[in-house]
Amino acid sequence: MALTSTPYGLRPIGASGSAPYSGGTSQAYRITQNNTNAIFTNGWVTMNAGKVDGSSAVAPVSTAETAAPSATQTVLGVVTGIQYTDPILKYTLFAQYLPASAVTAGYTNIIVFVTTDVRQLYMIQADAAILQASIGLNLDMSVETGVITTGLSTISASGPAATITLPLKIIDLVNQSSLFGGGLSAPGDAFTDCIVRFNRGVLHGDLRQAV
């Protein structure tokens, strides 16, 4: 509910246009090196020194025309699920959370599923009220945190602002009259639910032209 602070990370809901989210746009990445940070579903991950890692205080890549993704740390996308061979049970599990330093802890056959499509739309809760007039502006994101018991990210969004280097663009706000429905959520709620996509240049390999 958008009247209560209950952040759930970046929840994939569909692609730009009318295509619903089916999970079919996720890319599988195998982890063979220790992840420095824990990885949560609906959290964003980076490609850092050739390995997938949970985000920390990662500065988003600039969306300026001349900017290029960082050579050492780029935003890969948003996690939709994880699988691994459990170090104790010794069989494959499908999970929403991977602890830090999983390889050292004995996890094997680790695969992280990540949405990398630049057209992907997400729902995210803001940390304050956002009004209808803010659609088209940009949002920042909090540092990655999550809940181990659920495996879900608790990233929230903040802003809005016209600053082009912020990672997210507001496409719509969740409400009953929008294309995305919304139940009890409405623009201007204390913790507004927003529909967003990553801005140009934020995701690794994003070659879109300026918009």
Protein backbone atom coordinates (compact mmCIF):
# COMPACT_ATOMS: atom_id res chain seq x y z
CA MET A 1 0.00 0.00 0.00
CA ALA A 2 1.34 3.40 -0.96
CA LEU A 3 0.33 4.95 2.36
CA THR A 4 2.89 2.80 4.18
CA SER A 5 6.64 2.56 3.65
CA THR A 6 7.00 -1.02 2.38
CA PRO A 7 9.69 -0.87 -0.35
CA TYR A 8 9.99 -3.98 -2.53
CA GLY A 9 12.83 -3.05 -4.88
CA LEU A 10 12.39 -2.84 -8.65
CA ARG A 11 9.52 -5.19 -9.54
CA PRO A 12 9.40 -6.05 -13.28
CA ILE A 13 5.92 -5.48 -14.71
CA GLY A 14 6.29 -5.36 -18.50
CA ALA A 15 8.09 -3.79 -21.42
CA SER A 16 7.60 -0.37 -22.97
CA GLY A 17 4.48 -0.67 -25.07
CA SER A 18 1.83 -3.19 -24.08
CA ALA A 19 3.79 -6.40 -23.55
CA PRO A 20 3.22 -7.92 -20.09
CA TYR A 21 6.15 -9.23 -18.06
CA SER A 22 6.54 -13.00 -18.49
CA GLY A 23 10.06 -13.57 -17.15
CA GLY A 24 11.22 -14.43 -20.66
CA THR A 25 13.55 -11.43 -20.93
CA SER A 26 15.82 -12.58 -18.08
CA GLN A 27 19.44 -13.40 -18.86
CA ALA A 28 21.18 -16.16 -16.88
CA TYR A 29 24.59 -15.37 -15.38
CA ARG A 30 26.75 -18.02 -13.72
CA ILE A 31 28.69 -16.96 -10.60
CA THR A 32 32.06 -18.63 -10.08
CA GLN A 33 33.72 -15.91 -8.01
CA ASN A 34 32.69 -14.60 -4.61
CA ASN A 35 30.03 -11.89 -4.66
CA THR A 36 31.16 -9.11 -2.32
CA ASN A 37 27.59 -8.05 -1.58
CA ALA A 38 24.46 -10.11 -1.02
CA ILE A 39 22.12 -10.46 -4.00
CA PHE A 40 18.36 -9.94 -3.54
CA THR A 41 15.48 -10.43 -5.96
CA ASN A 42 14.19 -7.08 -7.32
CA GLY A 43 17.60 -5.57 -6.50
CA TRP A 44 20.00 -4.29 -9.10
CA VAL A 45 23.33 -5.98 -9.73
CA THR A 46 26.56 -4.85 -11.29
CA MET A 47 29.14 -6.42 -13.57
CA ASN A 48 32.32 -5.68 -11.66
CA ALA A 49 35.72 -7.02 -12.75
CA GLY A 50 34.04 -9.78 -14.75
CA LYS A 51 31.67 -10.98 -12.02
CA VAL A 52 28.05 -10.37 -11.10
CA ASP A 53 27.69 -8.71 -7.71
CA GLY A 54 24.96 -7.20 -5.58
CA SER A 55 24.90 -3.42 -5.69
CA SER A 56 26.36 -1.30 -2.92
CA ALA A 57 26.82 2.45 -3.09
CA VAL A 58 27.14 2.26 -6.87
CA ALA A 59 27.07 5.57 -8.69
CA PRO A 60 24.81 5.21 -11.75
CA VAL A 61 26.47 5.71 -15.11
CA SER A 62 25.85 9.19 -16.49
CA THR A 63 23.16 9.50 -19.14
CA ALA A 64 24.98 12.39 -20.81
CA GLU A 65 25.52 11.93 -24.55
CA THR A 66 29.30 11.57 -24.25
CA ALA A 67 29.32 9.28 -21.20
CA ALA A 68 30.42 5.66 -21.48
CA PRO A 69 29.76 2.82 -19.01
CA SER A 70 32.40 2.39 -16.34
CA ALA A 71 35.12 -0.10 -17.22
CA THR A 72 35.14 -1.52 -13.69
CA GLN A 73 31.55 -1.36 -12.51
CA THR A 74 28.38 -1.12 -14.60
CA VAL A 75 24.72 -1.70 -13.83
CA LEU A 76 23.77 -5.05 -15.33
CA GLY A 77 20.07 -5.13 -14.56
CA VAL A 78 17.56 -6.32 -11.96
CA VAL A 79 17.49 -9.77 -10.35
CA THR A 80 14.42 -11.94 -10.98
CA GLY A 81 15.62 -15.13 -9.30
CA ILE A 82 18.56 -17.29 -8.23
CA GLN A 83 19.38 -20.99 -8.31
CA TYR A 84 22.26 -22.94 -6.76
CA THR A 85 23.31 -26.25 -5.26
CA ASP A 86 22.87 -25.84 -1.52
CA PRO A 87 26.10 -26.47 0.46
CA ILE A 88 24.24 -28.47 3.14
CA LEU A 89 21.33 -30.11 1.33
CA LYS A 90 23.44 -30.90 -1.76
CA TYR A 91 20.63 -30.40 -4.26
CA THR A 92 19.45 -27.55 -6.47
CA LEU A 93 17.31 -24.85 -4.90
CA PHE A 94 15.50 -21.93 -6.50
CA ALA A 95 15.77 -18.91 -4.23
CA GLN A 96 15.37 -15.14 -4.02
CA TYR A 97 18.53 -14.41 -2.03
CA LEU A 98 22.24 -15.22 -2.28
CA PRO A 99 24.49 -14.34 0.68
CA ALA A 100 27.78 -12.50 0.22
CA SER A 101 30.87 -14.67 -0.43
CA ALA A 102 28.64 -17.54 -1.54
CA VAL A 103 31.44 -19.47 -3.27
CA THR A 104 33.54 -19.57 -0.10
CA ALA A 105 30.43 -20.64 1.84
CA GLY A 106 30.17 -23.72 -0.38
CA TYR A 107 27.41 -22.71 -2.80
CA THR A 108 27.97 -24.23 -6.25
CA ASN A 109 26.31 -24.12 -9.68
CA ILE A 110 25.13 -20.58 -8.89
CA ILE A 111 23.01 -18.90 -11.55
CA VAL A 112 21.50 -15.43 -11.19
CA PHE A 113 18.67 -14.41 -13.53
CA VAL A 114 18.74 -10.73 -14.49
CA THR A 115 16.48 -8.53 -16.62
CA THR A 116 18.80 -6.61 -18.93
CA ASP A 117 16.29 -5.29 -21.49
CA VAL A 118 16.48 -1.48 -21.77
CA ARG A 119 12.73 -1.43 -22.54
CA GLN A 120 11.83 -3.14 -19.27
CA LEU A 121 9.41 -1.30 -16.98
CA TYR A 122 9.46 -1.66 -13.19
CA MET A 123 7.29 -0.69 -10.26
CA ILE A 124 9.13 0.88 -7.31
CA GLN A 125 7.97 2.64 -4.17
CA ALA A 126 9.18 6.18 -3.54
CA ASP A 127 10.29 7.35 -0.10
CA ALA A 128 7.96 10.37 -0.28
CA ALA A 129 4.88 11.66 -2.10
CA ILE A 130 5.15 12.09 -5.89
CA LEU A 131 2.53 13.97 -7.88
CA GLN A 132 1.14 13.42 -11.38
CA ALA A 133 3.08 16.48 -12.61
CA SER A 134 6.36 14.62 -11.93
CA ILE A 135 5.79 12.04 -14.67
CA GLY A 136 8.72 12.38 -17.08
CA LEU A 137 11.18 13.45 -14.37
CA ASN A 138 13.96 11.28 -12.96
CA LEU A 139 14.48 9.43 -9.69
CA ASP A 140 17.46 8.29 -7.65
CA MET A 141 17.63 4.94 -5.83
CA SER A 142 18.63 4.04 -2.29
CA VAL A 143 21.65 1.85 -1.54
CA GLU A 144 20.78 -1.83 -1.90
CA THR A 145 19.34 -3.52 1.17
CA GLY A 146 17.08 -6.52 1.51
CA VAL A 147 15.28 -8.91 3.83
CA ILE A 148 16.97 -12.29 4.20
CA THR A 149 13.79 -14.10 5.26
CA THR A 150 11.93 -13.09 2.08
CA GLY A 151 14.94 -12.66 -0.19
CA LEU A 152 13.49 -9.43 -1.56
CA SER A 153 15.27 -6.13 -2.08
CA THR A 154 14.06 -3.08 -0.18
CA ILE A 155 15.41 -0.48 -2.62
CA SER A 156 13.23 2.64 -2.78
CA ALA A 157 13.27 5.68 -5.07
CA SER A 158 13.79 9.33 -4.18
CA GLY A 159 13.40 12.60 -6.00
CA PRO A 160 12.00 13.56 -8.43
CA ALA A 161 14.31 15.88 -10.36
CA ALA A 162 15.20 16.87 -13.90
CA THR A 163 18.84 15.79 -13.33
CA ILE A 164 19.80 13.61 -16.31
CA THR A 165 22.37 11.56 -14.41
CA LEU A 166 19.74 9.99 -12.13
CA PRO A 167 19.14 6.32 -13.01
CA LEU A 168 15.33 6.08 -13.33
CA LYS A 169 12.70 7.90 -15.39
CA ILE A 170 9.09 8.10 -14.21
CA ILE A 171 6.83 6.68 -16.94
CA ASP A 172 3.62 6.64 -14.91
CA LEU A 173 2.28 6.47 -11.36
CA VAL A 174 0.34 3.46 -10.14
CA ASN A 175 -3.38 4.24 -9.75
CA GLN A 176 -6.71 2.77 -10.73
CA SER A 177 -7.00 4.93 -13.85
CA SER A 178 -3.54 4.08 -15.21
CA LEU A 179 -2.76 1.19 -17.55
CA PHE A 180 -1.13 -0.60 -14.63
CA GLY A 181 -4.09 -0.61 -12.23
CA GLY A 182 -3.14 -0.07 -8.65
CA GLY A 183 -5.88 -0.90 -6.17
CA LEU A 184 -5.48 1.48 -3.23
CA SER A 185 -2.43 3.27 -4.66
CA ALA A 186 -2.81 6.80 -6.00
CA PRO A 187 -0.55 9.70 -7.08
CA GLY A 188 0.45 11.86 -4.13
CA ASP A 189 0.27 9.03 -1.59
CA ALA A 190 2.82 9.33 1.21
CA PHE A 191 4.98 6.62 -0.45
CA THR A 192 3.90 6.74 -4.06
CA ASP A 193 4.24 3.63 -6.24
CA CYS A 194 5.90 4.61 -9.53
CA ILE A 195 6.30 2.98 -12.94
CA VAL A 196 9.87 3.55 -14.14
CA ARG A 197 12.51 2.46 -16.60
CA PHE A 198 16.28 2.87 -16.54
CA ASN A 199 17.51 6.05 -18.16
CA ARG A 200 19.67 5.92 -21.26
CA GLY A 201 23.28 4.96 -20.56
CA VAL A 202 22.66 3.45 -17.11
CA LEU A 203 22.53 -0.21 -18.13
CA HIS A 204 25.58 -2.03 -19.43
CA GLY A 205 25.53 -2.09 -23.24
CA ASP A 206 22.74 0.48 -23.59
CA LEU A 207 23.17 2.05 -27.03
CA ARG A 208 19.90 4.01 -27.21
CA GLN A 209 19.94 7.49 -28.63
CA ALA A 210 19.16 10.47 -26.43
CA VAL A 211 15.44 11.00 -25.75
